[in-house]
Amino acid sequence: MDGTETRQRRPEELVRPHKLSPGRLSAASEDGPLSESESQRVVPKPLGTELSGETALSIGLQVVVPFMFAGLGLSGAGVLLNYFQHWPVFVEVKDLLTLVPSLVGLKGNLEMTLASRLSTAANTGQIDDPQEQHRVISSNLALIQVQATVVGLLAAVAALLLGAVSREELDVAKVELLCASSVITAFLAAFALGMLMVCIVIGARKLGLNPDNIATPIAASLGDLTTLSLLAFVSSFFYKYKDNRYLMPLVCIGFMALIPVWVLIAKQNPPIMKILKFGWFPIILAMVISSFGGLILNKTISKQQYQGMAIFTPIICEINSISARVLLFLVVPGHLIFFYIIYLVEGHLVPDSKIFVVFYLLASLIQVTILLYLAEVMVRLTWHQALDPDNHCIPYLTGLGDLLGTGLLTLCFLINWLLRSEAGLDGFSEPASGPP
């Protein structure tokens, strides 16, 4: 990455007695110190002071309800993934399962990064002016549409390459289906979740709440459900019309042709254009990391000893990724609640072993501890390199969360199966039947 990509203002700089105009803080943090004329402009309200009174208790109270909703949404996503894996398109095109963590991870790479940028803009008063609000929101939404389209296509390519390692043949029709499904899913999910993030940030600002504490859990609660549902229905549609050789290539070309339009919209905001030029490495690397988690899911999800893994994958990957230090105490009770909900809904797929529960909770604690430590290290490094943590740390943590979550969950199922086998117990029910 170019070290001059983003010039973030240091904490000591933020408390200097400059009077900043709304909408210029972002430019300052992207392009360097403000000029003398800019520094003399007056803002309606002081910046950087509204959130100084936040305590761990106030943050916790703001996050706990969205956190619980996130867990419920992710529990539903797990049930959906377990259901969708038996659909004909997922059975025949196995690489779709490899694609799942990458596309779901775009929620962290794009929408949560978008929410973080918009939250920063809200907390610093940039979106209080209607004209400035329109410019900031439209350019940010255009940015994630470009990123979603490109990364969606690259995610499909990565899934195909990882799948080709274990297979000899490469079906052109399946390649087209995978690429078209990935691009459309990423595009539509980015648009829907992006609009949702905008509404949440503006609403939280009007209610006097910190959007940073609300937007991320809500994105997690609906992101997986939205992305999984879109992927299942879009891929099933293309699977139904797989004999039409022109449909899927034209869809891919059409969505790629829209990229110049989004770039023109993003151009109205120079800091966003800088992200568009230099911000690709974090989200692409995060996508690649998530793809390896998808490969693990693809290779294990249909095996008897890993039965039920599809249900737990979204929870362990995403809940721990959105946990903050102030909510570390929620990891164990939160997972126990969601575990019980899954048991009530899909009890026949949950290993009936206390050993599994213990290892599952231990894996969750290990994962969230690693992510919290890496988050602190990454933020310090990005500040030291004069890069924006909003655009660099979140994608890396999302990808690592997917890989760690899937790997540790696989290990839990494997250990439980080995222990149960040595004891001469089954521990699993019959596999769930597919959809009618």
Protein backbone atom coordinates (compact mmCIF):
# COMPACT_ATOMS: atom_id res chain seq x y z
CA MET A 1 0.00 0.00 0.00
CA ASP A 2 1.10 3.55 -0.66
CA GLY A 3 2.17 5.14 2.61
CA THR A 4 0.74 8.46 1.46
CA GLU A 5 -2.66 7.01 0.86
CA THR A 6 -4.37 8.53 3.87
CA ARG A 7 -3.11 11.16 6.26
CA GLN A 8 -5.09 10.66 9.47
CA ARG A 9 -4.92 13.37 12.09
CA ARG A 10 -3.30 12.30 15.35
CA PRO A 11 -5.34 12.44 18.55
CA GLU A 12 -3.31 15.41 19.79
CA GLU A 13 -4.09 17.24 16.55
CA LEU A 14 -7.81 16.71 17.01
CA VAL A 15 -7.87 18.75 20.21
CA ARG A 16 -6.14 21.80 18.77
CA PRO A 17 -8.35 24.87 18.82
CA HIS A 18 -9.09 24.90 15.10
CA LYS A 19 -12.52 25.91 13.97
CA LEU A 20 -13.42 23.53 11.21
CA SER A 21 -16.18 23.66 8.70
CA PRO A 22 -18.51 20.70 8.32
CA GLY A 23 -17.48 18.45 5.51
CA ARG A 24 -13.84 19.45 5.61
CA LEU A 25 -12.62 17.23 8.42
CA SER A 26 -12.69 14.22 6.15
CA ALA A 27 -10.68 16.05 3.54
CA ALA A 28 -8.24 17.16 6.15
CA SER A 29 -7.70 13.71 7.47
CA GLU A 30 -7.26 12.36 3.97
CA ASP A 31 -5.05 15.01 2.42
CA GLY A 32 -3.10 16.49 5.30
CA PRO A 33 -3.28 19.53 7.61
CA LEU A 34 -5.81 22.19 6.80
CA SER A 35 -4.72 25.40 5.16
CA GLU A 36 -4.83 28.64 7.12
CA SER A 37 -7.95 29.83 5.33
CA GLU A 38 -9.73 26.56 6.02
CA SER A 39 -8.75 26.59 9.66
CA GLN A 40 -10.46 29.95 10.17
CA ARG A 41 -13.89 28.69 9.12
CA VAL A 42 -16.48 28.34 11.84
CA VAL A 43 -18.66 25.32 12.51
CA PRO A 44 -22.07 25.34 14.13
CA LYS A 45 -20.99 22.96 16.91
CA PRO A 46 -17.64 21.82 18.33
CA LEU A 47 -16.25 18.55 17.12
CA GLY A 48 -14.83 15.64 19.02
CA THR A 49 -16.54 16.56 22.29
CA GLU A 50 -19.93 14.91 22.03
CA LEU A 51 -18.69 11.39 22.72
CA SER A 52 -16.06 12.24 25.30
CA GLY A 53 -18.47 11.44 28.12
CA GLU A 54 -19.12 7.88 26.97
CA THR A 55 -18.47 5.27 29.61
CA ALA A 56 -18.23 1.51 29.39
CA LEU A 57 -21.74 1.29 30.87
CA SER A 58 -23.29 3.71 28.38
CA ILE A 59 -21.57 1.97 25.48
CA GLY A 60 -22.68 -1.41 26.79
CA LEU A 61 -26.30 -0.28 27.13
CA GLN A 62 -26.26 1.02 23.55
CA VAL A 63 -24.71 -2.14 22.13
CA VAL A 64 -26.31 -4.96 24.12
CA VAL A 65 -29.72 -4.83 22.40
CA PRO A 66 -28.30 -4.62 18.83
CA PHE A 67 -25.82 -7.35 19.86
CA MET A 68 -28.66 -9.68 20.85
CA PHE A 69 -30.55 -8.88 17.65
CA ALA A 70 -27.36 -9.64 15.73
CA GLY A 71 -27.16 -13.04 17.40
CA LEU A 72 -30.77 -13.81 16.55
CA GLY A 73 -30.18 -12.80 12.95
CA LEU A 74 -27.06 -14.92 12.73
CA SER A 75 -28.89 -17.87 14.28
CA GLY A 76 -31.46 -17.50 11.53
CA ALA A 77 -28.65 -17.29 8.96
CA GLY A 78 -27.24 -20.56 10.26
CA VAL A 79 -30.60 -22.27 9.89
CA LEU A 80 -30.90 -20.87 6.35
CA LEU A 81 -27.42 -22.05 5.40
CA ASN A 82 -28.21 -25.53 6.69
CA TYR A 83 -31.39 -25.47 4.58
CA PHE A 84 -29.84 -24.01 1.43
CA GLN A 85 -26.97 -26.50 1.35
CA HIS A 86 -29.43 -29.19 0.25
CA TRP A 87 -30.78 -27.20 -2.69
CA PRO A 88 -29.90 -28.71 -6.10
CA VAL A 89 -27.74 -25.73 -7.12
CA PHE A 90 -25.61 -25.99 -3.96
CA VAL A 91 -25.34 -29.77 -4.33
CA GLU A 92 -24.22 -29.60 -7.96
CA VAL A 93 -22.15 -26.39 -7.79
CA LYS A 94 -20.10 -27.06 -4.66
CA ASP A 95 -18.05 -23.91 -5.07
CA LEU A 96 -21.08 -21.88 -4.00
CA LEU A 97 -20.36 -23.02 -0.43
CA THR A 98 -16.79 -21.75 -0.76
CA LEU A 99 -18.27 -18.46 -1.90
CA VAL A 100 -20.50 -18.04 1.17
CA PRO A 101 -17.92 -16.68 3.68
CA SER A 102 -16.45 -14.34 1.06
CA LEU A 103 -19.79 -12.78 0.15
CA VAL A 104 -21.01 -12.70 3.74
CA GLY A 105 -17.64 -11.19 4.68
CA LEU A 106 -18.29 -8.29 2.30
CA LYS A 107 -20.65 -7.07 5.00
CA GLY A 108 -17.59 -6.43 7.14
CA ASN A 109 -15.38 -5.31 4.29
CA LEU A 110 -17.85 -2.86 2.78
CA GLU A 111 -20.99 -2.15 4.80
CA MET A 112 -19.34 -2.05 8.22
CA THR A 113 -16.53 0.07 6.83
CA LEU A 114 -19.17 2.31 5.29
CA ALA A 115 -20.96 2.51 8.65
CA SER A 116 -17.70 3.41 10.35
CA ARG A 117 -16.97 6.22 7.87
CA LEU A 118 -20.52 7.57 8.13
CA SER A 119 -20.41 7.33 11.93
CA THR A 120 -17.21 9.36 11.94
CA ALA A 121 -18.86 11.91 9.66
CA ALA A 122 -21.92 12.02 11.96
CA ASN A 123 -19.90 12.33 15.16
CA THR A 124 -17.88 15.18 13.69
CA GLY A 125 -20.95 17.07 12.41
CA GLN A 126 -20.24 16.61 8.71
CA ILE A 127 -23.70 15.31 7.82
CA ASP A 128 -25.66 17.93 9.76
CA ASP A 129 -25.80 20.17 6.70
CA PRO A 130 -28.31 18.71 4.16
CA GLN A 131 -26.19 19.50 1.10
CA GLU A 132 -23.04 18.05 2.65
CA GLN A 133 -25.04 15.05 3.87
CA HIS A 134 -26.17 14.27 0.31
CA ARG A 135 -22.62 14.52 -1.02
CA VAL A 136 -21.11 12.31 1.69
CA ILE A 137 -23.82 9.64 1.46
CA SER A 138 -24.03 9.41 -2.34
CA SER A 139 -20.26 9.20 -2.80
CA ASN A 140 -19.93 6.53 -0.10
CA LEU A 141 -22.76 4.44 -1.57
CA ALA A 142 -21.21 4.72 -5.04
CA LEU A 143 -17.88 3.59 -3.62
CA ILE A 144 -19.26 0.37 -2.12
CA GLN A 145 -21.12 -0.43 -5.36
CA VAL A 146 -17.82 -0.34 -7.24
CA GLN A 147 -16.11 -2.40 -4.55
CA ALA A 148 -18.96 -4.92 -4.34
CA THR A 149 -19.05 -5.49 -8.10
CA VAL A 150 -15.30 -5.99 -8.46
CA VAL A 151 -14.79 -8.01 -5.28
CA GLY A 152 -17.86 -10.12 -6.03
CA LEU A 153 -16.30 -11.17 -9.32
CA LEU A 154 -12.90 -11.77 -7.71
CA ALA A 155 -14.53 -13.86 -4.96
CA ALA A 156 -16.03 -16.12 -7.60
CA VAL A 157 -12.63 -16.45 -9.29
CA ALA A 158 -10.99 -17.27 -5.93
CA ALA A 159 -13.64 -19.92 -5.20
CA LEU A 160 -13.09 -21.47 -8.62
CA LEU A 161 -9.30 -21.54 -8.19
CA LEU A 162 -9.56 -23.13 -4.74
CA GLY A 163 -12.05 -25.66 -6.08
CA ALA A 164 -9.83 -26.47 -9.05
CA VAL A 165 -7.08 -27.62 -6.68
CA SER A 166 -9.10 -30.72 -5.76
CA ARG A 167 -10.83 -31.28 -9.11
CA GLU A 168 -9.60 -31.94 -12.59
CA GLU A 169 -12.47 -30.62 -14.70
CA LEU A 170 -13.74 -27.05 -14.96
CA ASP A 171 -17.30 -26.75 -16.25
CA VAL A 172 -17.77 -23.49 -18.18
CA ALA A 173 -21.49 -23.36 -17.36
CA LYS A 174 -20.74 -23.61 -13.62
CA VAL A 175 -18.08 -20.91 -13.95
CA GLU A 176 -20.61 -18.56 -15.53
CA LEU A 177 -23.23 -19.38 -12.90
CA LEU A 178 -20.80 -18.78 -10.06
CA CYS A 179 -19.55 -15.46 -11.44
CA ALA A 180 -23.01 -14.09 -12.26
CA SER A 181 -24.47 -15.19 -8.92
CA SER A 182 -21.58 -13.69 -6.99
CA VAL A 183 -21.65 -10.33 -8.78
CA ILE A 184 -25.42 -9.85 -8.47
CA THR A 185 -25.50 -11.00 -4.84
CA ALA A 186 -22.65 -8.68 -3.85
CA PHE A 187 -24.19 -5.75 -5.73
CA LEU A 188 -27.72 -6.12 -4.34
CA ALA A 189 -26.55 -6.89 -0.80
CA ALA A 190 -24.23 -3.85 -0.83
CA PHE A 191 -27.03 -1.59 -2.03
CA ALA A 192 -29.62 -2.85 0.49
CA LEU A 193 -27.26 -2.90 3.48
CA GLY A 194 -25.66 0.40 2.45
CA MET A 195 -29.04 2.14 2.50
CA LEU A 196 -29.77 0.52 5.86
CA MET A 197 -26.48 1.82 7.29
CA VAL A 198 -27.30 5.33 6.08
CA CYS A 199 -30.70 5.24 7.81
CA ILE A 200 -29.20 3.89 11.03
CA VAL A 201 -26.43 6.48 11.18
CA ILE A 202 -28.76 9.40 10.47
CA GLY A 203 -31.34 8.07 12.93
CA ALA A 204 -28.76 7.51 15.66
CA ARG A 205 -27.39 11.02 15.12
CA LYS A 206 -30.85 12.53 15.56
CA LEU A 207 -31.43 10.47 18.71
CA GLY A 208 -28.10 11.55 20.19
CA LEU A 209 -26.62 8.02 20.13
CA ASN A 210 -23.20 6.95 18.89
CA PRO A 211 -23.78 5.21 15.51
CA ASP A 212 -20.54 3.23 16.00
CA ASN A 213 -22.21 1.27 18.81
CA ILE A 214 -25.36 0.44 16.84
CA ALA A 215 -24.66 0.16 13.12
CA THR A 216 -22.20 -2.76 13.22
CA PRO A 217 -24.35 -5.22 15.21
CA ILE A 218 -27.43 -4.42 13.13
CA ALA A 219 -25.45 -4.91 9.92
CA ALA A 220 -24.37 -8.28 11.28
CA SER A 221 -27.91 -9.25 12.23
CA LEU A 222 -29.34 -8.61 8.77
CA GLY A 223 -26.25 -8.90 6.56
CA ASP A 224 -25.90 -12.67 6.67
CA LEU A 225 -29.63 -13.26 6.21
CA THR A 226 -29.76 -10.87 3.26
CA THR A 227 -26.62 -12.14 1.55
CA LEU A 228 -27.39 -15.85 2.00
CA SER A 229 -30.96 -15.43 0.77
CA LEU A 230 -29.85 -13.44 -2.26
CA LEU A 231 -27.14 -15.96 -3.13
CA ALA A 232 -29.54 -18.90 -2.83
CA PHE A 233 -32.33 -17.41 -4.93
CA VAL A 234 -30.10 -15.75 -7.54
CA SER A 235 -28.02 -18.90 -8.06
CA SER A 236 -31.18 -21.04 -8.22
CA PHE A 237 -32.58 -18.71 -10.88
CA PHE A 238 -29.46 -19.05 -13.00
CA TYR A 239 -29.40 -22.80 -12.37
CA LYS A 240 -32.94 -22.99 -13.75
CA TYR A 241 -31.86 -21.18 -16.91
CA LYS A 242 -28.40 -22.71 -17.17
CA ASP A 243 -29.01 -23.75 -20.78
CA ASN A 244 -29.23 -20.11 -21.84
CA ARG A 245 -25.59 -19.47 -22.75
CA TYR A 246 -25.95 -15.70 -23.13
CA LEU A 247 -27.85 -14.79 -19.96
CA MET A 248 -25.10 -15.06 -17.35
CA PRO A 249 -22.26 -13.48 -19.40
CA LEU A 250 -24.52 -10.54 -20.29
CA VAL A 251 -25.45 -10.06 -16.64
CA CYS A 252 -21.79 -9.90 -15.62
CA ILE A 253 -20.92 -7.50 -18.44
CA GLY A 254 -23.92 -5.31 -17.62
CA PHE A 255 -23.03 -4.90 -13.97
CA MET A 256 -19.38 -4.27 -14.79
CA ALA A 257 -20.46 -1.61 -17.29
CA LEU A 258 -22.12 0.33 -14.46
CA ILE A 259 -18.78 0.87 -12.72
CA PRO A 260 -17.96 4.15 -14.58
CA VAL A 261 -21.31 5.57 -13.42
CA TRP A 262 -20.48 4.87 -9.76
CA VAL A 263 -17.00 6.30 -10.24
CA LEU A 264 -18.45 9.57 -11.57
CA ILE A 265 -20.70 9.83 -8.51
CA ALA A 266 -17.81 9.07 -6.16
CA LYS A 267 -15.69 11.80 -7.80
CA GLN A 268 -17.65 14.52 -6.02
CA ASN A 269 -15.85 13.53 -2.80
CA PRO A 270 -12.02 13.59 -3.17
CA PRO A 271 -11.30 11.52 -0.02
CA ILE A 272 -13.63 8.80 -1.34
CA MET A 273 -11.81 8.84 -4.67
CA LYS A 274 -8.55 8.32 -2.79
CA ILE A 275 -10.07 5.22 -1.14
CA LEU A 276 -11.29 4.08 -4.56
CA LYS A 277 -7.77 4.37 -5.94
CA PHE A 278 -5.73 2.98 -3.08
CA GLY A 279 -8.14 1.06 -0.83
CA TRP A 280 -8.37 -2.24 -2.71
CA PHE A 281 -5.66 -4.22 -0.97
CA PRO A 282 -7.42 -4.64 2.42
CA ILE A 283 -10.76 -5.82 1.02
CA ILE A 284 -9.20 -8.14 -1.57
CA LEU A 285 -6.85 -9.71 0.97
CA ALA A 286 -9.76 -10.09 3.43
CA MET A 287 -11.79 -11.76 0.68
CA VAL A 288 -8.96 -14.22 -0.01
CA ILE A 289 -8.66 -15.04 3.70
CA SER A 290 -12.43 -15.62 3.92
CA SER A 291 -12.23 -17.87 0.85
CA PHE A 292 -9.96 -20.26 2.74
CA GLY A 293 -12.61 -20.37 5.46
CA GLY A 294 -15.12 -21.14 2.71
CA LEU A 295 -12.93 -23.97 1.45
CA ILE A 296 -12.94 -25.50 4.95
CA LEU A 297 -16.74 -25.17 5.04
CA ASN A 298 -17.06 -26.71 1.58
CA LYS A 299 -14.94 -29.74 2.47
CA THR A 300 -16.58 -30.46 5.83
CA ILE A 301 -20.22 -29.42 5.67
CA SER A 302 -21.51 -32.59 4.00
CA LYS A 303 -19.61 -35.07 6.17
CA GLN A 304 -21.40 -36.93 8.93
CA GLN A 305 -19.00 -35.98 11.72
CA TYR A 306 -19.52 -32.29 10.92
CA GLN A 307 -23.30 -32.45 10.72
CA GLY A 308 -24.79 -29.23 12.07
CA MET A 309 -21.70 -27.15 11.31
CA ALA A 310 -23.61 -25.01 8.82
CA ILE A 311 -25.89 -23.76 11.60
CA PHE A 312 -23.07 -22.62 13.89
CA THR A 313 -20.76 -21.14 11.24
CA PRO A 314 -22.39 -17.68 10.91
CA ILE A 315 -22.63 -17.27 14.69
CA ILE A 316 -19.06 -18.12 15.64
CA CYS A 317 -17.65 -16.20 12.66
CA GLU A 318 -19.67 -13.01 13.06
CA ILE A 319 -20.66 -12.60 16.72
CA ASN A 320 -17.05 -12.66 17.87
CA SER A 321 -16.02 -10.34 15.06
CA ILE A 322 -18.40 -7.62 16.29
CA SER A 323 -17.65 -8.02 20.00
CA ALA A 324 -15.84 -5.09 21.58
CA ARG A 325 -13.74 -5.24 24.72
CA VAL A 326 -16.51 -3.64 26.74
CA LEU A 327 -18.77 -6.56 25.73
CA LEU A 328 -16.24 -9.35 26.20
CA PHE A 329 -18.32 -10.57 29.10
CA LEU A 330 -21.21 -11.20 26.67
CA VAL A 331 -19.33 -13.78 24.60
CA VAL A 332 -20.09 -16.82 26.80
CA PRO A 333 -23.67 -15.99 27.86
CA GLY A 334 -24.45 -14.71 24.35
CA HIS A 335 -23.28 -17.91 22.71
CA LEU A 336 -25.15 -20.00 25.29
CA ILE A 337 -28.38 -18.16 24.46
CA PHE A 338 -27.90 -18.57 20.72
CA PHE A 339 -26.85 -22.20 21.19
CA TYR A 340 -30.10 -22.86 23.06
CA ILE A 341 -32.14 -21.13 20.36
CA ILE A 342 -30.52 -23.32 17.71
CA TYR A 343 -31.18 -26.38 19.87
CA LEU A 344 -34.88 -25.47 20.06
CA VAL A 345 -35.13 -24.92 16.29
CA GLU A 346 -32.78 -27.59 14.91
CA GLY A 347 -32.13 -29.81 17.91
CA HIS A 348 -31.59 -32.94 15.82
CA LEU A 349 -28.51 -31.34 14.26
CA VAL A 350 -26.90 -30.16 17.51
CA PRO A 351 -24.37 -32.57 19.07
CA ASP A 352 -25.91 -33.82 22.32
CA SER A 353 -22.67 -33.57 24.24
CA LYS A 354 -21.56 -31.26 27.05
CA ILE A 355 -18.02 -31.71 25.76
CA PHE A 356 -19.00 -30.04 22.50
CA VAL A 357 -20.55 -27.08 24.35
CA VAL A 358 -17.39 -26.63 26.41
CA PHE A 359 -15.11 -26.74 23.36
CA TYR A 360 -17.48 -24.48 21.42
CA LEU A 361 -17.40 -21.81 24.15
CA LEU A 362 -13.64 -22.20 24.49
CA ALA A 363 -13.22 -21.73 20.74
CA SER A 364 -15.39 -18.60 20.91
CA LEU A 365 -13.27 -17.10 23.68
CA ILE A 366 -10.04 -17.95 21.86
CA GLN A 367 -11.32 -16.38 18.66
CA VAL A 368 -12.58 -13.15 20.21
CA THR A 369 -9.42 -12.76 22.31
CA ILE A 370 -7.25 -13.11 19.21
CA LEU A 371 -9.41 -10.66 17.26
CA LEU A 372 -9.39 -8.08 20.05
CA TYR A 373 -5.62 -8.29 20.36
CA LEU A 374 -5.15 -8.03 16.60
CA ALA A 375 -7.60 -5.12 16.47
CA GLU A 376 -5.53 -3.13 18.95
CA VAL A 377 -2.27 -3.95 17.17
CA MET A 378 -3.69 -3.14 13.72
CA VAL A 379 -5.14 0.21 14.80
CA ARG A 380 -1.79 1.25 16.27
CA LEU A 381 0.05 0.15 13.14
CA THR A 382 -2.33 1.93 10.79
CA TRP A 383 -2.07 5.14 12.80
CA HIS A 384 1.72 4.81 12.75
CA GLN A 385 1.62 4.36 8.96
CA ALA A 386 -0.78 7.34 8.60
CA LEU A 387 -3.54 5.10 7.24
CA ASP A 388 -7.25 5.15 8.04
CA PRO A 389 -8.16 2.36 10.51
CA ASP A 390 -11.80 2.48 9.32
CA ASN A 391 -10.77 1.33 5.83
CA HIS A 392 -7.97 -1.08 6.75
CA CYS A 393 -8.61 -2.78 10.09
CA ILE A 394 -12.24 -3.83 9.65
CA PRO A 395 -11.72 -5.86 6.43
CA TYR A 396 -8.70 -7.70 7.86
CA LEU A 397 -10.54 -8.52 11.09
CA THR A 398 -13.59 -9.72 9.17
CA GLY A 399 -11.55 -12.07 7.00
CA LEU A 400 -9.54 -13.37 9.95
CA GLY A 401 -12.78 -13.80 11.92
CA ASP A 402 -14.22 -15.97 9.15
CA LEU A 403 -11.08 -18.10 8.88
CA LEU A 404 -10.59 -18.46 12.64
CA GLY A 405 -14.27 -19.13 13.27
CA THR A 406 -14.61 -21.79 10.58
CA GLY A 407 -11.32 -23.46 11.52
CA LEU A 408 -12.02 -23.54 15.26
CA LEU A 409 -15.59 -24.73 14.71
CA THR A 410 -14.32 -27.55 12.50
CA LEU A 411 -11.88 -28.50 15.23
CA CYS A 412 -14.72 -28.56 17.80
CA PHE A 413 -16.80 -30.93 15.70
CA LEU A 414 -13.78 -33.12 14.97
CA ILE A 415 -12.73 -33.40 18.64
CA ASN A 416 -16.31 -34.10 19.70
CA TRP A 417 -16.66 -36.80 17.04
CA LEU A 418 -13.36 -38.44 18.01
CA LEU A 419 -14.24 -38.48 21.71
CA ARG A 420 -17.72 -39.82 21.03
CA SER A 421 -16.33 -42.48 18.71
CA GLU A 422 -13.87 -43.67 21.33
CA ALA A 423 -16.71 -43.89 23.84
CA GLY A 424 -18.77 -45.90 21.37
CA LEU A 425 -21.48 -43.24 21.08
CA ASP A 426 -23.06 -41.78 18.01
CA GLY A 427 -23.98 -38.28 19.15
CA PHE A 428 -25.68 -37.34 15.90
CA SER A 429 -29.07 -37.87 14.43
CA GLU A 430 -29.85 -38.77 10.86
CA PRO A 431 -28.94 -36.14 8.30
CA ALA A 432 -31.60 -33.56 7.56
CA SER A 433 -33.50 -34.14 4.37
CA GLY A 434 -33.26 -31.71 1.50
CA PRO A 435 -35.94 -29.35 0.29
CA PRO A 436 -38.90 -30.81 -1.57
